[in-house]
Protein backbone atom coordinates (compact mmCIF):
# COMPACT_ATOMS: atom_id res chain seq x y z
CA MET A 1 -3.53 91.21 -36.82
CA MET A 2 -2.85 93.53 -33.90
CA LEU A 3 -6.55 94.19 -33.32
CA SER A 4 -7.36 90.49 -33.50
CA VAL A 5 -4.74 89.64 -30.87
CA LEU A 6 -5.62 92.45 -28.48
CA THR A 7 -9.33 91.71 -28.77
CA ASP A 8 -8.53 88.40 -27.08
CA TYR A 9 -7.22 90.44 -24.14
CA GLY A 10 -10.35 92.55 -23.93
CA PHE A 11 -9.15 95.61 -25.86
CA ARG A 12 -11.22 97.50 -28.43
CA GLU A 13 -9.73 99.13 -31.52
CA SER A 14 -10.25 102.69 -30.30
CA GLU A 15 -8.71 101.94 -26.92
CA PHE A 16 -5.05 101.38 -27.77
CA ASN A 17 -2.04 102.60 -29.70
CA ALA A 18 0.70 100.19 -30.85
CA GLU A 19 4.31 100.95 -31.82
CA PRO A 20 7.40 98.76 -32.43
CA PHE A 21 9.56 98.46 -29.35
CA GLY A 22 13.12 97.37 -28.48
CA THR A 23 16.04 96.01 -30.46
CA GLY A 24 15.52 92.26 -29.98
CA LEU A 25 16.41 90.06 -32.95
CA ILE A 26 14.32 86.98 -32.18
CA ASN A 27 10.77 87.95 -31.24
CA ASN A 28 8.66 90.82 -32.59
CA THR A 29 7.80 93.31 -29.85
CA TRP A 30 5.35 96.22 -29.61
CA LYS A 31 4.57 98.78 -26.94
CA ILE A 32 0.82 99.03 -26.38
CA THR A 33 -0.65 102.13 -24.78
CA ALA A 34 -4.24 101.99 -23.59
CA ALA A 35 -5.64 104.91 -21.56
CA ASP A 36 -3.18 105.34 -18.68
CA LYS A 37 -1.70 101.85 -18.89
CA VAL A 38 1.20 100.53 -20.94
CA TYR A 39 1.88 96.94 -22.02
CA ILE A 40 4.40 94.94 -24.02
CA LEU A 41 3.08 92.60 -26.72
CA GLN A 42 5.35 89.94 -28.20
CA ARG A 43 5.06 87.47 -31.03
CA ILE A 44 7.22 84.41 -30.35
CA ASN A 45 9.55 83.28 -33.11
CA ASN A 46 8.59 79.63 -33.50
CA ALA A 47 11.43 79.08 -35.96
CA VAL A 48 13.72 79.35 -32.91
CA PHE A 49 11.31 78.14 -30.22
CA LYS A 50 9.69 75.05 -31.71
CA ASP A 51 7.10 74.65 -28.95
CA PRO A 52 6.07 78.01 -27.47
CA GLN A 53 3.83 76.23 -24.98
CA ASP A 54 6.99 74.97 -23.27
CA ILE A 55 7.96 78.59 -22.68
CA ALA A 56 4.54 79.34 -21.25
CA ASN A 57 4.83 76.30 -18.97
CA ASN A 58 8.19 77.41 -17.60
CA ILE A 59 7.22 81.03 -17.06
CA ARG A 60 4.02 80.04 -15.27
CA LEU A 61 5.95 77.65 -13.02
CA MET A 62 8.35 80.46 -12.09
CA ALA A 63 5.59 83.03 -11.60
CA ASP A 64 3.57 80.78 -9.31
CA TYR A 65 6.59 79.71 -7.26
CA LEU A 66 7.89 83.24 -6.79
CA SER A 67 4.45 84.55 -5.92
CA GLU A 68 4.22 82.01 -3.11
CA HIS A 69 7.81 81.90 -1.83
CA HIS A 70 9.30 85.28 -2.80
CA PRO A 71 6.44 87.74 -3.25
CA GLU A 72 8.93 90.60 -2.93
CA TYR A 73 10.69 89.54 -6.15
CA LEU A 74 9.74 91.60 -9.21
CA PHE A 75 8.72 89.04 -11.82
CA VAL A 76 7.13 90.26 -15.04
CA THR A 77 4.28 87.76 -15.36
CA PRO A 78 2.31 87.42 -18.61
CA ILE A 79 -1.22 88.80 -18.49
CA ARG A 80 -3.83 86.12 -19.09
CA SER A 81 -6.19 86.48 -22.03
CA ALA A 82 -9.95 86.76 -21.63
CA ASP A 83 -10.03 82.96 -21.89
CA GLY A 84 -7.41 82.57 -19.15
CA ASP A 85 -4.50 81.64 -21.43
CA ASP A 86 -0.88 82.80 -21.07
CA MET A 87 -0.54 82.93 -24.85
CA VAL A 88 -2.86 83.58 -27.77
CA LEU A 89 -2.51 81.56 -30.99
CA LYS A 90 -3.43 83.20 -34.27
CA GLU A 91 -3.45 80.91 -37.28
CA GLY A 92 -0.81 81.91 -39.77
CA GLU A 93 0.64 84.49 -37.36
CA GLY A 94 1.86 82.43 -34.41
CA PHE A 95 1.79 82.78 -30.63
CA PHE A 96 1.41 86.13 -28.87
CA ARG A 97 1.66 87.17 -25.22
CA LEU A 98 1.08 90.37 -23.27
CA PHE A 99 3.14 91.72 -20.36
CA PRO A 100 2.71 94.74 -18.11
CA PHE A 101 5.22 97.51 -18.83
CA ILE A 102 7.31 98.41 -15.77
CA ARG A 103 7.08 102.18 -15.49
CA GLY A 104 10.31 104.01 -14.73
CA SER A 105 12.37 101.12 -16.12
CA HIS A 106 14.78 101.02 -19.01
CA THR A 107 17.31 98.69 -20.62
CA ILE A 108 20.83 99.28 -21.92
CA ASP A 109 22.44 97.57 -24.89
CA VAL A 110 26.12 97.80 -23.90
CA VAL A 111 27.88 97.57 -20.54
CA GLN A 112 29.90 100.76 -20.21
CA LYS A 113 30.66 100.85 -16.48
CA PRO A 114 31.66 98.19 -13.92
CA GLU A 115 28.66 99.27 -11.85
CA GLN A 116 26.36 98.17 -14.66
CA ALA A 117 28.07 94.79 -14.85
CA HIS A 118 27.71 94.44 -11.07
CA GLU A 119 24.00 95.28 -11.10
CA ALA A 120 23.32 92.86 -13.95
CA ALA A 121 25.25 90.06 -12.24
CA VAL A 122 23.27 90.65 -9.03
CA GLN A 123 20.01 90.35 -10.93
CA PHE A 124 20.91 87.13 -12.73
CA GLY A 125 22.22 85.64 -9.49
CA ARG A 126 19.08 86.71 -7.60
CA PHE A 127 16.90 85.16 -10.29
CA THR A 128 18.56 81.76 -9.92
CA ARG A 129 18.80 81.90 -6.14
CA SER A 130 15.15 82.87 -5.74
CA LEU A 131 14.15 79.79 -7.73
CA SER A 132 16.51 77.41 -5.93
CA GLY A 133 13.68 75.49 -4.26
CA ILE A 134 11.53 74.95 -7.33
CA ALA A 135 10.89 71.47 -8.76
CA ILE A 136 13.39 71.52 -11.62
CA GLU A 137 11.98 68.33 -13.14
CA LYS A 138 8.79 70.17 -14.09
CA PHE A 139 10.64 72.46 -16.47
CA LYS A 140 10.74 72.00 -20.23
CA THR A 141 13.86 72.44 -22.35
CA THR A 142 12.84 75.27 -24.67
CA VAL A 143 15.93 75.10 -26.90
CA PRO A 144 17.38 71.57 -26.89
CA GLY A 145 21.18 71.49 -26.80
CA PHE A 146 21.41 75.28 -26.53
CA HIS A 147 24.49 75.35 -24.24
CA ASP A 148 25.62 71.76 -24.72
CA LEU A 149 29.28 72.31 -25.53
CA ALA A 150 29.83 68.64 -26.37
CA LEU A 151 27.06 68.85 -28.98
CA ARG A 152 28.50 72.07 -30.44
CA HIS A 153 31.92 70.42 -30.68
CA ARG A 154 30.44 67.38 -32.46
CA GLN A 155 28.73 69.70 -34.94
CA PHE A 156 32.07 71.41 -35.51
CA SER A 157 33.82 68.06 -36.07
CA ASP A 158 31.11 66.96 -38.50
CA VAL A 159 31.34 70.14 -40.56
CA LEU A 160 35.10 69.66 -40.90
CA LYS A 161 34.25 66.47 -42.79
CA ASN A 162 31.18 67.61 -44.69
CA GLY A 163 31.34 71.39 -44.89
CA ASN A 164 32.38 73.86 -47.58
CA LYS A 165 35.85 72.66 -48.63
CA GLU A 166 37.01 76.04 -49.87
CA ARG A 167 35.99 77.70 -46.61
CA ILE A 168 37.62 74.94 -44.57
CA LEU A 169 40.91 75.65 -46.33
CA GLU A 170 40.49 79.39 -45.80
CA SER A 171 39.80 78.85 -42.07
CA LYS A 172 42.66 76.48 -41.31
CA GLU A 173 44.31 78.73 -38.70
CA VAL A 174 41.04 79.24 -36.82
CA ILE A 175 40.30 75.52 -37.04
CA LYS A 176 43.73 74.74 -35.64
CA ALA A 177 43.17 77.11 -32.71
CA LEU A 178 39.76 75.63 -31.92
CA ILE A 179 41.17 72.10 -31.95
CA ALA A 180 44.02 73.23 -29.69
CA ASN A 181 41.48 74.39 -27.09
CA ALA A 182 39.40 71.21 -27.13
CA GLU A 183 40.28 70.46 -23.49
CA ILE A 184 37.56 73.00 -22.63
CA VAL A 185 35.10 70.40 -23.92
CA SER A 186 36.67 67.66 -21.79
CA VAL A 187 36.19 69.79 -18.69
CA TYR A 188 32.53 70.32 -19.59
CA GLU A 189 32.05 66.57 -19.99
CA LYS A 190 33.33 66.09 -16.44
CA ILE A 191 31.08 68.83 -15.10
CA LYS A 192 28.01 67.14 -16.55
CA THR A 193 28.63 64.03 -14.48
CA ASP A 194 29.92 65.73 -11.32
CA GLN A 195 27.29 65.74 -8.57
CA ALA A 196 28.85 68.88 -7.11
CA PHE A 197 27.49 70.75 -10.15
CA ARG A 198 23.76 71.25 -9.73
CA LEU A 199 21.17 71.84 -12.41
CA ARG A 200 19.32 75.06 -11.60
CA VAL A 201 16.93 77.40 -13.35
CA THR A 202 19.34 79.53 -15.35
CA HIS A 203 18.56 82.32 -17.80
CA HIS A 204 20.95 81.23 -20.60
CA ASP A 205 21.02 84.67 -22.26
CA THR A 206 22.62 87.08 -19.80
CA LYS A 207 23.42 90.01 -22.06
CA VAL A 208 22.85 93.27 -20.24
CA SER A 209 19.82 94.19 -22.38
CA ASN A 210 17.92 91.44 -20.55
CA VAL A 211 18.04 93.40 -17.29
CA LEU A 212 15.61 96.17 -16.35
CA PHE A 213 17.23 99.15 -14.62
CA ASP A 214 15.48 101.86 -12.63
CA GLU A 215 15.97 105.62 -12.91
CA ASN A 216 18.94 105.42 -10.53
CA ALA A 217 20.73 102.77 -12.64
CA LYS A 218 19.92 100.04 -10.12
CA GLY A 219 18.84 96.63 -11.36
CA LEU A 220 15.16 95.76 -11.00
CA CYS A 221 14.78 92.29 -12.49
CA VAL A 222 15.64 90.13 -15.48
CA ILE A 223 13.44 89.82 -18.56
CA ASP A 224 13.24 87.77 -21.78
CA LEU A 225 12.79 84.41 -20.07
CA ASP A 226 12.22 82.25 -23.15
CA THR A 227 15.53 80.42 -22.59
CA ALA A 228 15.07 80.05 -18.81
CA MET A 229 15.37 76.31 -18.22
CA PRO A 230 17.53 73.80 -16.33
CA GLY A 231 21.24 74.43 -16.76
CA PHE A 232 24.59 74.90 -15.04
CA PHE A 233 25.65 78.22 -13.52
CA ILE A 234 28.55 78.41 -15.99
CA SER A 235 26.06 79.31 -18.73
CA ASP A 236 24.90 82.51 -17.08
CA VAL A 237 28.26 83.55 -15.63
CA GLY A 238 30.07 82.65 -18.85
CA ASP A 239 27.73 84.67 -21.03
CA MET A 240 28.18 87.70 -18.77
CA MET A 241 31.95 87.37 -19.12
CA ARG A 242 31.67 86.94 -22.87
CA THR A 243 29.55 90.05 -23.33
CA TYR A 244 30.65 92.36 -20.48
CA LEU A 245 34.44 92.03 -20.20
CA SER A 246 35.55 93.42 -23.56
CA PRO A 247 34.93 97.03 -24.57
CA VAL A 248 33.92 95.78 -28.04
CA SER A 249 31.44 93.15 -29.19
CA GLU A 250 31.68 90.01 -31.32
CA GLU A 251 31.12 92.28 -34.35
CA GLU A 252 34.45 94.09 -33.96
CA ARG A 253 36.83 93.46 -36.86
CA ASP A 254 39.87 95.14 -35.31
CA MET A 255 41.25 92.43 -33.03
CA ASP A 256 43.56 94.91 -31.32
CA LYS A 257 40.50 96.50 -29.68
CA ILE A 258 39.51 93.27 -27.94
CA ALA A 259 40.53 93.26 -24.28
CA VAL A 260 39.52 91.81 -20.92
CA ARG A 261 38.85 94.52 -18.35
CA GLY A 262 39.78 93.39 -14.84
CA ASP A 263 37.40 95.74 -13.06
CA PHE A 264 34.48 94.40 -15.08
CA TYR A 265 35.48 90.82 -14.24
CA LYS A 266 35.58 91.74 -10.56
CA ALA A 267 32.15 93.36 -10.87
CA VAL A 268 30.65 90.18 -12.36
CA VAL A 269 32.19 87.98 -9.67
CA GLN A 270 31.16 90.16 -6.77
CA GLY A 271 27.67 90.86 -8.09
CA TYR A 272 26.85 87.23 -8.81
CA MET A 273 28.38 85.98 -5.58
CA GLU A 274 26.37 88.47 -3.51
CA GLU A 275 23.39 86.33 -4.40
CA MET A 276 24.86 82.89 -5.08
CA LYS A 277 27.70 82.49 -2.57
CA GLU A 278 25.68 80.17 -0.35
CA GLU A 279 24.13 78.34 -3.29
CA LEU A 280 27.26 77.29 -5.16
CA SER A 281 29.35 74.34 -4.03
CA LYS A 282 33.09 74.72 -3.52
CA ALA A 283 33.68 72.82 -6.76
CA GLU A 284 31.41 75.20 -8.64
CA LYS A 285 33.20 78.24 -7.20
CA ASP A 286 36.50 76.76 -8.32
CA TYR A 287 35.21 76.78 -11.90
CA PHE A 288 34.01 80.37 -11.93
CA PHE A 289 36.79 81.50 -14.26
CA TYR A 290 36.23 78.45 -16.47
CA ALA A 291 32.70 79.71 -17.16
CA GLY A 292 34.14 82.44 -19.36
CA ARG A 293 36.29 80.01 -21.31
CA PHE A 294 33.28 77.71 -21.71
CA MET A 295 30.97 80.30 -23.26
CA ILE A 296 33.53 82.14 -25.38
CA TYR A 297 34.87 78.90 -26.83
CA MET A 298 31.37 77.61 -27.55
CA GLN A 299 30.45 80.79 -29.38
CA ALA A 300 33.62 80.61 -31.47
CA LEU A 301 32.71 77.04 -32.38
CA ARG A 302 29.20 78.04 -33.35
CA PHE A 303 30.33 80.95 -35.53
CA LEU A 304 32.88 78.88 -37.41
CA THR A 305 30.55 75.90 -37.76
CA ASP A 306 27.99 78.22 -39.33
CA TYR A 307 30.59 79.70 -41.66
CA LEU A 308 31.66 76.27 -42.84
CA SER A 309 27.98 75.39 -43.31
CA ASP A 310 27.48 78.38 -45.64
CA ASP A 311 25.95 80.67 -42.99
CA ILE A 312 22.67 78.83 -42.57
CA TYR A 313 22.02 79.90 -38.96
CA TYR A 314 23.45 83.33 -38.21
CA GLY A 315 23.53 84.59 -41.78
CA GLU A 316 26.09 87.16 -42.90
CA LYS A 317 26.14 90.90 -43.58
CA TYR A 318 29.33 90.70 -45.63
CA PRO A 319 31.57 87.92 -47.03
CA GLY A 320 33.40 86.11 -44.24
CA HIS A 321 31.27 87.64 -41.48
CA ASN A 322 31.02 84.47 -39.38
CA LEU A 323 34.69 83.67 -39.89
CA MET A 324 35.49 87.11 -38.53
CA ARG A 325 33.17 86.53 -35.57
CA ALA A 326 34.94 83.25 -34.82
CA ARG A 327 38.34 85.00 -34.91
CA ASN A 328 36.95 87.69 -32.64
CA GLN A 329 35.85 85.16 -30.05
CA LEU A 330 39.13 83.25 -30.25
CA THR A 331 40.97 86.50 -29.62
CA LEU A 332 38.77 87.16 -26.59
CA LEU A 333 39.48 83.62 -25.36
CA THR A 334 43.21 84.30 -25.66
CA ARG A 335 42.93 87.64 -23.84
CA LEU A 336 41.03 85.94 -21.02
CA ALA A 337 43.64 83.18 -20.69
CA GLU A 338 46.41 85.77 -20.55
CA LYS A 339 44.82 87.35 -17.49
CA GLU A 340 43.84 84.20 -15.60
CA ASP A 341 46.48 84.51 -12.86
CA THR A 342 45.76 88.20 -12.34
CA LEU A 343 41.98 87.83 -12.30
CA THR A 344 41.67 84.73 -10.15
CA GLY A 345 44.49 85.70 -7.81
CA ARG A 346 42.98 88.88 -6.47
CA ILE A 347 39.34 87.93 -6.02
CA VAL A 348 38.09 85.85 -3.12
CA THR A 349 34.71 84.22 -3.74
C-alpha cells in the first residue's frame, strides 16, 4: 500500500523509509524519509470525513489565498501528486495526502505553561485573521453540525426519550445538571442570528497538539486543517479554554483535580487578542468568556448523549467511561462559572 501511494508522488521503493508518526486518533500518519528530505503522509479517515475532497477544496483555497495575500505566513500546503492532485485515492484503502515536514518543529500534547497557551492562542488567532478576506462562501462544511450546539442539545433531548433506560436512570444527576444549564443553548441560538457575530474560517480543533512549535518554544503555525471551515470565533476560543485551563484532561476521574487556572485564561485571552482585537466586534468581545461555557457544555452533552446511546461514537475503555467524561466536563463548567467575576474583571480585551 505504502509503495503504491508514494509511487503516485514519484518515489521509488528503494528511495524512502516509512515509520508511524504522531498520536492522532482520527487519521493514520507516517513520517517518510527520502534522501535528505522528510515528509508526512496521511490517510484520511472517511468514516469521520465523509467527503475528503471537501477537505482538499478548503485547504487549497486557504493555500492559494495565503500565498497571494500573506506570503510570509507559514502554511503547510499538501504536495501535489505526479498527476497534479492534492490527494491520491487508492481503492479499498482510501484517500492519502503528502505534506512537507517542517524541520526544527515539534508538537506538544499537554499545555504545561501559560507561555504555551499564549503561543497557541496567537497561532490560532493569526490563522483566522490572515484568512479574514477570503471568500467564505467557497468553503465546504467538512463535518456537518460539528459545533452546532442546538443540534447537540436536540440529540441529547432525543436520547432522553429513546436511549438506554437503565443508563438514563443511573445518570439522573448529570442529566439534571445539563438541563439546568440549557440557557447556554439559548445564547448560542441568539448568536447565530446576530449580525455582529461573523462567520470566519475557524480551525474547530484547537488543542495544543495542533500547533507547531520551534526549538525556542515559539509557535510557528497551526496544522491538522481537516475541520477548518466557516464557524464562529467561540469554537476556537472555547476549545482552547476547554483543553488549556485545567491541569487535567477530560479523562481525569478525580474531580477534585479539575481546576481553572487564571494565568492560563489570561494567556489565551491575550494571545488570541494580539491577533484578533481589530477583527472581533464589540459584541463578540463581550462573549469571550461565554466561549468557554459553550464548548465545555457541548462536550458534556456529547459525552452523555453517547453514553445513553450505548457508546456508539466515542466508545469506552471501561464501564461508565463516557458518563465519567460528562461529569468531568460538568465539573469544569462549574469551576469556570465560579471564577467568572475574577477572570473577566481583571482582563481588558
